């Protein structure tokens, strides 16, 4: 019996592979920070929350000696702890200091930028509307910078519930990993209610999130199925699934890896799109492509909409210790990608 993807011989079956995809500069920096901390200080190295939202990455680092905890009070007094790429609130920093913890701050610099915006607008006594998802670690960290000034707006439908003190002193900021389109719709509705709503000084949705969404928008109209490699708690990965559907894909699925692929998804399909969230190592994409090739989708074409070359220095605390030891390359490595036999579209 043939598989659903290979029961016809008259259809050209192909994969459209999104580029950019996978690791962004902030994720690369955070993951390498934990790796280098383990190499330099030895295990265990504690990490508050998941360093990035990817199951494979967390499990791999845990196998090397990283210990993931929910809060700093679970870290032995005086031990070393890494703050995740999503950032933390001032209260978390204070808690770590009270326990004499040695901290390595792996917060993505683009998240730090949003934190600084929140602090500045709060100092100017603005009501700050933080567009994002309640309970997400990044949102908790940002809101913690000025909780008396910030309220979270979860979606366009939540706009009607917003209450401000002065409609002429209102500003919006956002979680960095949201859907660009949904965020702009939320802003549009907010501005209908608050015509004097101010914009942040620069775009808060990170370049990598936007680039991955743009690439998916380009390939999705030509795809019967789009697969997004990424974990369920990865906001930007979940958004890519939605973006693919909105852009015209017939169906769209999120998977942690190749083992979750269901051949039934490809019944009657000719073109499969593949992308990955900003916290996904390329090895997982390679495994997905190999599985798709087994199902008859062996031809791979890359759809590139941007080239990313941004790199961030490693966290200051770690960089200083590595330099003192004489082995400090101040930059994380960009994850190497195997050479694919692909043709650009």
C-alpha atoms as a PDB file:
ATOM      1  CA  UNK A   1       0.000   0.000   0.000  1.00  0.00           C
ATOM      2  CA  UNK A   2       1.417   3.374  -0.981  1.00  0.00           C
ATOM      3  CA  UNK A   3       1.538   6.337   1.382  1.00  0.00           C
ATOM      4  CA  UNK A   4      -0.880   9.250   0.860  1.00  0.00           C
ATOM      5  CA  UNK A   5       1.974  11.430  -0.377  1.00  0.00           C
ATOM      6  CA  UNK A   6       3.159   8.925  -3.000  1.00  0.00           C
ATOM      7  CA  UNK A   7       0.014   7.388  -4.437  1.00  0.00           C
ATOM      8  CA  UNK A   8       0.227   9.435  -7.657  1.00  0.00           C
ATOM      9  CA  UNK A   9       3.061   9.633 -10.143  1.00  0.00           C
ATOM     10  CA  UNK A  10       1.850  12.551 -12.261  1.00  0.00           C
ATOM     11  CA  UNK A  11       2.343  15.290  -9.660  1.00  0.00           C
ATOM     12  CA  UNK A  12       5.532  17.245  -9.120  1.00  0.00           C
ATOM     13  CA  UNK A  13       6.112  17.066  -5.394  1.00  0.00           C
ATOM     14  CA  UNK A  14       8.341  19.662  -3.824  1.00  0.00           C
ATOM     15  CA  UNK A  15       9.236  21.457  -0.626  1.00  0.00           C
ATOM     16  CA  UNK A  16       9.421  25.231  -0.395  1.00  0.00           C
ATOM     17  CA  UNK A  17      11.906  25.989   2.375  1.00  0.00           C
ATOM     18  CA  UNK A  18      11.532  29.390   4.013  1.00  0.00           C
ATOM     19  CA  UNK A  19      14.532  31.620   4.559  1.00  0.00           C
ATOM     20  CA  UNK A  20      15.168  33.169   6.988  1.00  0.00           C
ATOM     21  CA  UNK A  21      14.124  30.511   9.487  1.00  0.00           C
ATOM     22  CA  UNK A  22      15.393  29.101  12.749  1.00  0.00           C
ATOM     23  CA  UNK A  23      17.808  30.670  15.228  1.00  0.00           C
ATOM     24  CA  UNK A  24      17.813  34.438  15.549  1.00  0.00           C
ATOM     25  CA  UNK A  25      20.695  36.419  17.027  1.00  0.00           C
ATOM     26  CA  UNK A  26      19.101  36.674  20.470  1.00  0.00           C
ATOM     27  CA  UNK A  27      18.466  32.929  20.704  1.00  0.00           C
ATOM     28  CA  UNK A  28      21.934  32.120  19.416  1.00  0.00           C
ATOM     29  CA  UNK A  29      23.426  34.397  22.079  1.00  0.00           C
ATOM     30  CA  UNK A  30      21.386  32.851  24.892  1.00  0.00           C
ATOM     31  CA  UNK A  31      22.036  29.218  23.952  1.00  0.00           C
ATOM     32  CA  UNK A  32      25.755  29.796  23.459  1.00  0.00           C
ATOM     33  CA  UNK A  33      25.880  31.630  26.795  1.00  0.00           C
ATOM     34  CA  UNK A  34      24.691  28.491  28.584  1.00  0.00           C
ATOM     35  CA  UNK A  35      27.040  26.275  26.573  1.00  0.00           C
ATOM     36  CA  UNK A  36      30.056  28.461  27.332  1.00  0.00           C
ATOM     37  CA  UNK A  37      29.049  28.789  30.985  1.00  0.00           C
ATOM     38  CA  UNK A  38      29.005  25.001  31.280  1.00  0.00           C
ATOM     39  CA  UNK A  39      32.376  24.757  29.545  1.00  0.00           C
ATOM     40  CA  UNK A  40      33.966  27.474  31.673  1.00  0.00           C
ATOM     41  CA  UNK A  41      32.430  27.014  35.130  1.00  0.00           C
ATOM     42  CA  UNK A  42      31.412  23.371  34.913  1.00  0.00           C
ATOM     43  CA  UNK A  43      28.071  21.806  35.810  1.00  0.00           C
ATOM     44  CA  UNK A  44      25.693  22.564  37.271  1.00  0.00           C
ATOM     45  CA  UNK A  45      24.725  25.914  35.782  1.00  0.00           C
ATOM     46  CA  UNK A  46      21.211  26.940  36.783  1.00  0.00           C
ATOM     47  CA  UNK A  47      18.854  28.562  34.299  1.00  0.00           C
ATOM     48  CA  UNK A  48      15.703  30.398  35.320  1.00  0.00           C
ATOM     49  CA  UNK A  49      12.876  29.170  33.056  1.00  0.00           C
ATOM     50  CA  UNK A  50      13.652  27.683  29.661  1.00  0.00           C
ATOM     51  CA  UNK A  51      16.616  29.508  28.139  1.00  0.00           C
ATOM     52  CA  UNK A  52      14.600  29.621  24.893  1.00  0.00           C
ATOM     53  CA  UNK A  53      11.262  28.033  24.087  1.00  0.00           C
ATOM     54  CA  UNK A  54      12.425  24.871  22.377  1.00  0.00           C
ATOM     55  CA  UNK A  55      12.100  21.383  23.805  1.00  0.00           C
ATOM     56  CA  UNK A  56      15.116  19.971  21.955  1.00  0.00           C
ATOM     57  CA  UNK A  57      17.423  22.801  23.031  1.00  0.00           C
ATOM     58  CA  UNK A  58      16.374  22.545  26.677  1.00  0.00           C
ATOM     59  CA  UNK A  59      16.792  18.772  26.761  1.00  0.00           C
ATOM     60  CA  UNK A  60      20.210  18.990  25.090  1.00  0.00           C
ATOM     61  CA  UNK A  61      21.481  21.575  27.558  1.00  0.00           C
ATOM     62  CA  UNK A  62      20.027  19.649  30.500  1.00  0.00           C
ATOM     63  CA  UNK A  63      21.966  16.577  29.375  1.00  0.00           C
ATOM     64  CA  UNK A  64      25.152  18.679  29.559  1.00  0.00           C
ATOM     65  CA  UNK A  65      24.471  19.831  33.115  1.00  0.00           C
ATOM     66  CA  UNK A  66      22.147  22.826  32.904  1.00  0.00           C
ATOM     67  CA  UNK A  67      19.503  22.784  35.639  1.00  0.00           C
ATOM     68  CA  UNK A  68      16.284  24.549  34.728  1.00  0.00           C
ATOM     69  CA  UNK A  69      14.245  26.077  37.545  1.00  0.00           C
ATOM     70  CA  UNK A  70      11.090  28.150  37.708  1.00  0.00           C
ATOM     71  CA  UNK A  71      12.275  30.729  40.245  1.00  0.00           C
ATOM     72  CA  UNK A  72      15.488  31.948  41.794  1.00  0.00           C
ATOM     73  CA  UNK A  73      14.555  30.589  45.230  1.00  0.00           C
ATOM     74  CA  UNK A  74      15.123  27.102  43.763  1.00  0.00           C
ATOM     75  CA  UNK A  75      18.780  27.955  43.102  1.00  0.00           C
ATOM     76  CA  UNK A  76      21.241  27.195  45.927  1.00  0.00           C
ATOM     77  CA  UNK A  77      22.458  30.349  47.626  1.00  0.00           C
ATOM     78  CA  UNK A  78      25.596  31.701  45.993  1.00  0.00           C
ATOM     79  CA  UNK A  79      25.236  29.548  42.872  1.00  0.00           C
ATOM     80  CA  UNK A  80      25.329  30.742  39.281  1.00  0.00           C
ATOM     81  CA  UNK A  81      22.101  31.331  37.375  1.00  0.00           C
ATOM     82  CA  UNK A  82      21.375  32.384  33.808  1.00  0.00           C
ATOM     83  CA  UNK A  83      18.381  34.579  33.032  1.00  0.00           C
ATOM     84  CA  UNK A  84      16.603  33.400  29.882  1.00  0.00           C
ATOM     85  CA  UNK A  85      16.372  35.233  26.572  1.00  0.00           C
ATOM     86  CA  UNK A  86      12.838  36.378  27.462  1.00  0.00           C
ATOM     87  CA  UNK A  87      14.023  38.728  30.200  1.00  0.00           C
ATOM     88  CA  UNK A  88      13.103  39.152  33.857  1.00  0.00           C
ATOM     89  CA  UNK A  89      11.498  41.801  36.023  1.00  0.00           C
ATOM     90  CA  UNK A  90      13.374  43.938  38.573  1.00  0.00           C
ATOM     91  CA  UNK A  91      11.791  41.799  41.308  1.00  0.00           C
ATOM     92  CA  UNK A  92      13.543  38.699  39.957  1.00  0.00           C
ATOM     93  CA  UNK A  93      16.877  40.516  39.915  1.00  0.00           C
ATOM     94  CA  UNK A  94      16.318  41.637  43.499  1.00  0.00           C
ATOM     95  CA  UNK A  95      15.486  38.091  44.546  1.00  0.00           C
ATOM     96  CA  UNK A  96      18.679  36.810  42.936  1.00  0.00           C
ATOM     97  CA  UNK A  97      20.746  39.485  44.650  1.00  0.00           C
ATOM     98  CA  UNK A  98      19.195  38.653  48.032  1.00  0.00           C
ATOM     99  CA  UNK A  99      20.383  35.048  47.613  1.00  0.00           C
ATOM    100  CA  UNK A 100      23.872  36.179  46.492  1.00  0.00           C
ATOM    101  CA  UNK A 101      23.426  34.447  43.162  1.00  0.00           C
ATOM    102  CA  UNK A 102      25.992  34.950  40.420  1.00  0.00           C
ATOM    103  CA  UNK A 103      23.870  36.020  37.466  1.00  0.00           C
ATOM    104  CA  UNK A 104      24.416  35.839  33.734  1.00  0.00           C
ATOM    105  CA  UNK A 105      21.837  37.941  31.941  1.00  0.00           C
ATOM    106  CA  UNK A 106      21.028  36.324  28.582  1.00  0.00           C
ATOM    107  CA  UNK A 107      18.033  38.586  27.926  1.00  0.00           C
ATOM    108  CA  UNK A 108      17.750  39.319  24.207  1.00  0.00           C
ATOM    109  CA  UNK A 109      18.926  42.904  23.614  1.00  0.00           C
ATOM    110  CA  UNK A 110      15.739  43.571  21.661  1.00  0.00           C
ATOM    111  CA  UNK A 111      13.682  42.616  24.718  1.00  0.00           C
ATOM    112  CA  UNK A 112      15.888  44.843  26.855  1.00  0.00           C
ATOM    113  CA  UNK A 113      15.047  47.694  24.491  1.00  0.00           C
ATOM    114  CA  UNK A 114      11.339  47.220  25.209  1.00  0.00           C
ATOM    115  CA  UNK A 115      12.052  47.171  28.964  1.00  0.00           C
ATOM    116  CA  UNK A 116      13.853  50.504  28.671  1.00  0.00           C
ATOM    117  CA  UNK A 117      10.928  51.974  26.736  1.00  0.00           C
ATOM    118  CA  UNK A 118       8.563  50.896  29.503  1.00  0.00           C
ATOM    119  CA  UNK A 119      10.738  52.488  32.172  1.00  0.00           C
ATOM    120  CA  UNK A 120      10.999  55.755  30.248  1.00  0.00           C
ATOM    121  CA  UNK A 121       7.283  56.050  29.509  1.00  0.00           C
ATOM    122  CA  UNK A 122       6.419  55.197  33.100  1.00  0.00           C
ATOM    123  CA  UNK A 123       8.768  57.924  34.309  1.00  0.00           C
ATOM    124  CA  UNK A 124       6.824  60.341  32.103  1.00  0.00           C
ATOM    125  CA  UNK A 125       3.590  59.093  33.727  1.00  0.00           C
ATOM    126  CA  UNK A 126       2.060  57.501  30.616  1.00  0.00           C
ATOM    127  CA  UNK A 127      -0.453  54.694  30.645  1.00  0.00           C
ATOM    128  CA  UNK A 128       1.389  51.936  28.772  1.00  0.00           C
ATOM    129  CA  UNK A 129      -0.582  49.410  26.750  1.00  0.00           C
ATOM    130  CA  UNK A 130       1.550  46.297  26.363  1.00  0.00           C
ATOM    131  CA  UNK A 131       0.283  44.261  23.429  1.00  0.00           C
ATOM    132  CA  UNK A 132       1.136  40.657  24.246  1.00  0.00           C
ATOM    133  CA  UNK A 133       0.001  37.468  25.874  1.00  0.00           C
ATOM    134  CA  UNK A 134      -0.689  37.321  29.604  1.00  0.00           C
ATOM    135  CA  UNK A 135       1.515  34.735  31.282  1.00  0.00           C
ATOM    136  CA  UNK A 136       4.258  34.775  28.650  1.00  0.00           C
ATOM    137  CA  UNK A 137       7.644  35.183  30.340  1.00  0.00           C
ATOM    138  CA  UNK A 138       8.601  38.153  28.186  1.00  0.00           C
ATOM    139  CA  UNK A 139       5.372  39.958  29.047  1.00  0.00           C
ATOM    140  CA  UNK A 140       5.820  39.246  32.759  1.00  0.00           C
ATOM    141  CA  UNK A 141       9.330  40.694  32.660  1.00  0.00           C
ATOM    142  CA  UNK A 142       8.294  43.826  30.780  1.00  0.00           C
ATOM    143  CA  UNK A 143       5.231  44.439  32.913  1.00  0.00           C
ATOM    144  CA  UNK A 144       7.367  44.068  36.012  1.00  0.00           C
ATOM    145  CA  UNK A 145       9.367  47.146  35.030  1.00  0.00           C
ATOM    146  CA  UNK A 146       6.386  49.413  35.774  1.00  0.00           C
ATOM    147  CA  UNK A 147       3.382  47.378  36.934  1.00  0.00           C
ATOM    148  CA  UNK A 148       1.435  50.420  38.082  1.00  0.00           C
ATOM    149  CA  UNK A 149       1.603  51.921  34.590  1.00  0.00           C
ATOM    150  CA  UNK A 150       1.318  48.869  32.306  1.00  0.00           C
ATOM    151  CA  UNK A 151      -1.736  46.889  31.305  1.00  0.00           C
ATOM    152  CA  UNK A 152      -1.605  43.955  28.918  1.00  0.00           C
ATOM    153  CA  UNK A 153      -3.793  43.917  25.800  1.00  0.00           C
ATOM    154  CA  UNK A 154      -4.032  40.288  24.686  1.00  0.00           C
ATOM    155  CA  UNK A 155      -5.727  40.700  21.313  1.00  0.00           C
ATOM    156  CA  UNK A 156      -7.758  43.112  19.159  1.00  0.00           C
ATOM    157  CA  UNK A 157     -10.907  41.875  20.904  1.00  0.00           C
ATOM    158  CA  UNK A 158      -9.514  42.984  24.268  1.00  0.00           C
ATOM    159  CA  UNK A 159      -9.310  46.630  23.240  1.00  0.00           C
ATOM    160  CA  UNK A 160     -12.812  47.445  24.495  1.00  0.00           C
ATOM    161  CA  UNK A 161     -11.763  46.491  28.034  1.00  0.00           C
ATOM    162  CA  UNK A 162      -8.885  48.976  28.193  1.00  0.00           C
ATOM    163  CA  UNK A 163      -9.258  51.786  30.731  1.00  0.00           C
ATOM    164  CA  UNK A 164      -6.759  54.662  30.956  1.00  0.00           C
ATOM    165  CA  UNK A 165      -6.397  57.655  33.237  1.00  0.00           C
ATOM    166  CA  UNK A 166      -5.747  60.261  30.533  1.00  0.00           C
ATOM    167  CA  UNK A 167      -6.583  59.461  26.880  1.00  0.00           C
ATOM    168  CA  UNK A 168      -3.994  62.028  25.779  1.00  0.00           C
ATOM    169  CA  UNK A 169      -1.111  60.291  27.598  1.00  0.00           C
ATOM    170  CA  UNK A 170      -1.243  56.746  26.266  1.00  0.00           C
ATOM    171  CA  UNK A 171       1.465  54.773  24.480  1.00  0.00           C
ATOM    172  CA  UNK A 172       1.654  51.220  23.177  1.00  0.00           C
ATOM    173  CA  UNK A 173       4.573  48.788  23.245  1.00  0.00           C
ATOM    174  CA  UNK A 174       4.570  45.095  22.376  1.00  0.00           C
ATOM    175  CA  UNK A 175       5.922  41.643  23.013  1.00  0.00           C
ATOM    176  CA  UNK A 176       8.658  41.012  20.446  1.00  0.00           C
ATOM    177  CA  UNK A 177       7.340  37.709  19.073  1.00  0.00           C
ATOM    178  CA  UNK A 178       3.804  38.557  17.980  1.00  0.00           C
ATOM    179  CA  UNK A 179       2.055  38.365  14.642  1.00  0.00           C
ATOM    180  CA  UNK A 180       2.765  41.657  12.912  1.00  0.00           C
ATOM    181  CA  UNK A 181      -0.677  41.757  11.315  1.00  0.00           C
ATOM    182  CA  UNK A 182      -2.582  41.032  14.521  1.00  0.00           C
ATOM    183  CA  UNK A 183      -0.520  43.581  16.430  1.00  0.00           C
ATOM    184  CA  UNK A 184      -1.246  46.260  13.873  1.00  0.00           C
ATOM    185  CA  UNK A 185      -4.947  45.420  14.037  1.00  0.00           C
ATOM    186  CA  UNK A 186      -4.812  45.815  17.814  1.00  0.00           C
ATOM    187  CA  UNK A 187      -3.080  49.165  17.407  1.00  0.00           C
ATOM    188  CA  UNK A 188      -5.679  50.268  14.858  1.00  0.00           C
ATOM    189  CA  UNK A 189      -8.514  49.505  17.255  1.00  0.00           C
ATOM    190  CA  UNK A 190      -6.695  51.168  20.135  1.00  0.00           C
ATOM    191  CA  UNK A 191      -6.219  54.297  18.070  1.00  0.00           C
ATOM    192  CA  UNK A 192      -9.928  54.383  17.282  1.00  0.00           C
ATOM    193  CA  UNK A 193     -10.570  54.566  21.027  1.00  0.00           C
ATOM    194  CA  UNK A 194      -7.562  56.737  21.861  1.00  0.00           C
ATOM    195  CA  UNK A 195      -6.734  59.048  18.935  1.00  0.00           C
ATOM    196  CA  UNK A 196      -3.713  60.465  20.794  1.00  0.00           C
ATOM    197  CA  UNK A 197      -2.157  57.015  21.226  1.00  0.00           C
ATOM    198  CA  UNK A 198       1.612  57.290  20.793  1.00  0.00           C
ATOM    199  CA  UNK A 199       3.807  54.765  19.017  1.00  0.00           C
ATOM    200  CA  UNK A 200       7.021  53.403  20.525  1.00  0.00           C
ATOM    201  CA  UNK A 201      10.159  55.134  19.211  1.00  0.00           C
ATOM    202  CA  UNK A 202      11.036  52.050  17.151  1.00  0.00           C
ATOM    203  CA  UNK A 203       9.379  48.811  16.121  1.00  0.00           C
ATOM    204  CA  UNK A 204       9.123  46.403  19.080  1.00  0.00           C
ATOM    205  CA  UNK A 205       8.373  43.225  17.121  1.00  0.00           C
ATOM    206  CA  UNK A 206      11.810  41.801  16.515  1.00  0.00           C
ATOM    207  CA  UNK A 207      13.386  41.723  13.078  1.00  0.00           C
ATOM    208  CA  UNK A 208      13.616  37.918  13.128  1.00  0.00           C
ATOM    209  CA  UNK A 209       9.938  37.458  13.948  1.00  0.00           C
ATOM    210  CA  UNK A 210       8.999  39.774  11.096  1.00  0.00           C
ATOM    211  CA  UNK A 211      11.424  38.176   8.639  1.00  0.00           C
ATOM    212  CA  UNK A 212      10.114  34.690   9.320  1.00  0.00           C
ATOM    213  CA  UNK A 213       6.532  35.826   8.880  1.00  0.00           C
ATOM    214  CA  UNK A 214       7.353  37.583   5.599  1.00  0.00           C
ATOM    215  CA  UNK A 215       9.026  34.445   4.241  1.00  0.00           C
ATOM    216  CA  UNK A 216       6.002  32.315   5.168  1.00  0.00           C
ATOM    217  CA  UNK A 217       3.632  34.822   3.571  1.00  0.00           C
ATOM    218  CA  UNK A 218       5.573  34.486   0.326  1.00  0.00           C
ATOM    219  CA  UNK A 219       5.548  30.694   0.120  1.00  0.00           C
ATOM    220  CA  UNK A 220       2.167  29.887   1.731  1.00  0.00           C
ATOM    221  CA  UNK A 221      -0.064  30.744  -1.265  1.00  0.00           C
ATOM    222  CA  UNK A 222       1.748  28.062  -3.261  1.00  0.00           C
ATOM    223  CA  UNK A 223       1.536  25.411  -0.531  1.00  0.00           C
ATOM    224  CA  UNK A 224      -0.978  22.689   0.172  1.00  0.00           C
ATOM    225  CA  UNK A 225       0.584  22.137   3.592  1.00  0.00           C
ATOM    226  CA  UNK A 226       2.944  24.309   5.667  1.00  0.00           C
ATOM    227  CA  UNK A 227       4.952  22.776   8.508  1.00  0.00           C
ATOM    228  CA  UNK A 228       6.390  25.004  11.217  1.00  0.00           C
ATOM    229  CA  UNK A 229       9.072  23.389  13.323  1.00  0.00           C
ATOM    230  CA  UNK A 230       8.839  24.783  16.849  1.00  0.00           C
ATOM    231  CA  UNK A 231       7.599  24.031  20.336  1.00  0.00           C
ATOM    232  CA  UNK A 232       4.087  24.677  21.588  1.00  0.00           C
ATOM    233  CA  UNK A 233       5.209  27.358  24.050  1.00  0.00           C
ATOM    234  CA  UNK A 234       7.125  29.264  21.371  1.00  0.00           C
ATOM    235  CA  UNK A 235       4.980  32.285  20.612  1.00  0.00           C
ATOM    236  CA  UNK A 236       6.693  33.110  17.316  1.00  0.00           C
ATOM    237  CA  UNK A 237       6.368  29.491  16.127  1.00  0.00           C
ATOM    238  CA  UNK A 238       2.649  29.398  16.899  1.00  0.00           C
ATOM    239  CA  UNK A 239       2.223  32.695  15.050  1.00  0.00           C
ATOM    240  CA  UNK A 240       3.880  31.209  11.939  1.00  0.00           C
ATOM    241  CA  UNK A 241       1.195  28.513  11.796  1.00  0.00           C
ATOM    242  CA  UNK A 242      -1.476  31.218  11.819  1.00  0.00           C
ATOM    243  CA  UNK A 243       0.368  33.409   9.311  1.00  0.00           C
ATOM    244  CA  UNK A 244       0.585  30.505   6.847  1.00  0.00           C
ATOM    245  CA  UNK A 245      -3.168  29.925   6.989  1.00  0.00           C
ATOM    246  CA  UNK A 246      -3.951  33.620   6.668  1.00  0.00           C
ATOM    247  CA  UNK A 247      -1.622  33.853   3.661  1.00  0.00           C
ATOM    248  CA  UNK A 248      -3.387  31.069   1.762  1.00  0.00           C
ATOM    249  CA  UNK A 249      -1.951  27.706   2.762  1.00  0.00           C
ATOM    250  CA  UNK A 250      -4.540  24.919   2.592  1.00  0.00           C
ATOM    251  CA  UNK A 251      -3.413  23.554   5.956  1.00  0.00           C
ATOM    252  CA  UNK A 252      -0.760  24.404   8.505  1.00  0.00           C
ATOM    253  CA  UNK A 253       0.779  22.409  11.361  1.00  0.00           C
ATOM    254  CA  UNK A 254       3.282  22.993  14.148  1.00  0.00           C
ATOM    255  CA  UNK A 255       5.611  20.128  15.012  1.00  0.00           C
ATOM    256  CA  UNK A 256       8.473  19.724  17.458  1.00  0.00           C
ATOM    257  CA  UNK A 257      10.261  17.480  15.004  1.00  0.00           C
ATOM    258  CA  UNK A 258      10.056  14.883  12.250  1.00  0.00           C
ATOM    259  CA  UNK A 259       8.565  12.212  14.517  1.00  0.00           C
ATOM    260  CA  UNK A 260       5.310  14.192  14.752  1.00  0.00           C
ATOM    261  CA  UNK A 261       4.699  14.268  10.995  1.00  0.00           C
ATOM    262  CA  UNK A 262       1.489  12.514   9.975  1.00  0.00           C
ATOM    263  CA  UNK A 263       1.616  11.205   6.384  1.00  0.00           C
ATOM    264  CA  UNK A 264      -2.153  11.703   6.126  1.00  0.00           C
ATOM    265  CA  UNK A 265      -1.577  15.470   6.092  1.00  0.00           C
ATOM    266  CA  UNK A 266      -0.142  15.211   2.577  1.00  0.00           C
ATOM    267  CA  UNK A 267      -2.945  13.320   0.846  1.00  0.00           C
ATOM    268  CA  UNK A 268      -3.335  14.958  -2.559  1.00  0.00           C
ATOM    269  CA  UNK A 269      -0.628  17.517  -1.771  1.00  0.00           C
ATOM    270  CA  UNK A 270       1.936  18.655  -4.304  1.00  0.00           C
ATOM    271  CA  UNK A 271       3.789  21.416  -2.418  1.00  0.00           C
ATOM    272  CA  UNK A 272       4.809  21.480   1.237  1.00  0.00           C
ATOM    273  CA  UNK A 273       6.194  24.582   2.881  1.00  0.00           C
ATOM    274  CA  UNK A 274       8.677  24.287   5.733  1.00  0.00           C
ATOM    275  CA  UNK A 275       9.821  26.923   8.184  1.00  0.00           C
ATOM    276  CA  UNK A 276      10.991  27.030  11.788  1.00  0.00           C
ATOM    277  CA  UNK A 277      10.628  29.346  14.737  1.00  0.00           C
ATOM    278  CA  UNK A 278      13.389  31.622  15.980  1.00  0.00           C
ATOM    279  CA  UNK A 279      14.445  29.206  18.750  1.00  0.00           C
ATOM    280  CA  UNK A 280      14.773  26.107  16.559  1.00  0.00           C
ATOM    281  CA  UNK A 281      18.169  24.584  15.677  1.00  0.00           C
ATOM    282  CA  UNK A 282      18.653  23.715  12.037  1.00  0.00           C
ATOM    283  CA  UNK A 283      19.226  20.033  12.775  1.00  0.00           C
ATOM    284  CA  UNK A 284      15.496  19.663  13.439  1.00  0.00           C
ATOM    285  CA  UNK A 285      14.672  21.140  10.032  1.00  0.00           C
ATOM    286  CA  UNK A 286      17.146  18.766   8.397  1.00  0.00           C
ATOM    287  CA  UNK A 287      15.333  15.834   9.992  1.00  0.00           C
ATOM    288  CA  UNK A 288      11.962  17.114   8.773  1.00  0.00           C
ATOM    289  CA  UNK A 289      13.289  17.457   5.224  1.00  0.00           C
ATOM    290  CA  UNK A 290      14.640  13.917   5.373  1.00  0.00           C
ATOM    291  CA  UNK A 291      11.251  12.593   6.492  1.00  0.00           C
ATOM    292  CA  UNK A 292       9.462  14.521   3.743  1.00  0.00           C
ATOM    293  CA  UNK A 293      11.863  13.047   1.200  1.00  0.00           C
ATOM    294  CA  UNK A 294      10.843   9.582   2.404  1.00  0.00           C
ATOM    295  CA  UNK A 295       7.236  10.585   1.745  1.00  0.00           C
ATOM    296  CA  UNK A 296       8.029  11.621  -1.824  1.00  0.00           C
ATOM    297  CA  UNK A 297       8.847  15.294  -1.334  1.00  0.00           C
ATOM    298  CA  UNK A 298      12.529  15.174  -2.203  1.00  0.00           C
ATOM    299  CA  UNK A 299      12.806  18.310  -4.308  1.00  0.00           C
ATOM    300  CA  UNK A 300      13.655  21.351  -2.154  1.00  0.00           C
ATOM    301  CA  UNK A 301      13.497  24.967  -3.271  1.00  0.00           C
ATOM    302  CA  UNK A 302      14.514  27.794  -0.960  1.00  0.00           C
ATOM    303  CA  UNK A 303      12.273  30.864  -0.737  1.00  0.00           C
ATOM    304  CA  UNK A 304      14.471  33.657   0.589  1.00  0.00           C
ATOM    305  CA  UNK A 305      13.062  37.052   1.470  1.00  0.00           C
ATOM    306  CA  UNK A 306      15.918  38.438   3.603  1.00  0.00           C
ATOM    307  CA  UNK A 307      19.456  37.713   4.718  1.00  0.00           C
ATOM    308  CA  UNK A 308      20.267  38.097   8.410  1.00  0.00           C
ATOM    309  CA  UNK A 309      23.756  38.921   9.645  1.00  0.00           C
ATOM    310  CA  UNK A 310      23.039  40.548  13.012  1.00  0.00           C
ATOM    311  CA  UNK A 311      25.091  39.200  15.915  1.00  0.00           C
ATOM    312  CA  UNK A 312      25.021  40.097  19.613  1.00  0.00           C
ATOM    313  CA  UNK A 313      27.949  39.922  22.030  1.00  0.00           C
ATOM    314  CA  UNK A 314      27.732  37.378  24.810  1.00  0.00           C
ATOM    315  CA  UNK A 315      26.386  38.580  28.192  1.00  0.00           C
ATOM    316  CA  UNK A 316      28.745  41.028  29.872  1.00  0.00           C
ATOM    317  CA  UNK A 317      29.330  38.924  32.996  1.00  0.00           C
ATOM    318  CA  UNK A 318      30.280  35.823  31.015  1.00  0.00           C
ATOM    319  CA  UNK A 319      32.353  37.774  28.525  1.00  0.00           C
ATOM    320  CA  UNK A 320      34.480  39.262  31.330  1.00  0.00           C
ATOM    321  CA  UNK A 321      35.198  35.860  32.873  1.00  0.00           C
ATOM    322  CA  UNK A 322      36.063  34.287  29.529  1.00  0.00           C
ATOM    323  CA  UNK A 323      38.386  37.164  28.688  1.00  0.00           C
ATOM    324  CA  UNK A 324      40.140  36.895  32.049  1.00  0.00           C
ATOM    325  CA  UNK A 325      40.697  33.201  31.347  1.00  0.00           C
ATOM    326  CA  UNK A 326      42.133  33.990  27.928  1.00  0.00           C
ATOM    327  CA  UNK A 327      39.503  32.142  25.922  1.00  0.00           C
ATOM    328  CA  UNK A 328      36.891  34.764  25.305  1.00  0.00           C
ATOM    329  CA  UNK A 329      35.507  35.165  21.829  1.00  0.00           C
ATOM    330  CA  UNK A 330      33.018  37.978  22.588  1.00  0.00           C
ATOM    331  CA  UNK A 331      30.577  36.815  19.933  1.00  0.00           C
ATOM    332  CA  UNK A 332      28.397  33.721  19.813  1.00  0.00           C
ATOM    333  CA  UNK A 333      28.713  31.587  16.743  1.00  0.00           C
ATOM    334  CA  UNK A 334      26.018  31.721  14.145  1.00  0.00           C
ATOM    335  CA  UNK A 335      24.649  28.233  13.810  1.00  0.00           C
ATOM    336  CA  UNK A 336      26.204  26.522  10.796  1.00  0.00           C
ATOM    337  CA  UNK A 337      23.744  25.245   8.227  1.00  0.00           C
ATOM    338  CA  UNK A 338      24.513  22.334   6.010  1.00  0.00           C
ATOM    339  CA  UNK A 339      24.710  23.065   2.310  1.00  0.00           C
ATOM    340  CA  UNK A 340      21.345  22.203   0.820  1.00  0.00           C
ATOM    341  CA  UNK A 341      20.972  21.192  -2.775  1.00  0.00           C
ATOM    342  CA  UNK A 342      18.270  23.757  -3.348  1.00  0.00           C
ATOM    343  CA  UNK A 343      17.320  26.212  -6.008  1.00  0.00           C
ATOM    344  CA  UNK A 344      16.331  29.773  -5.003  1.00  0.00           C
ATOM    345  CA  UNK A 345      12.843  30.869  -6.048  1.00  0.00           C
END
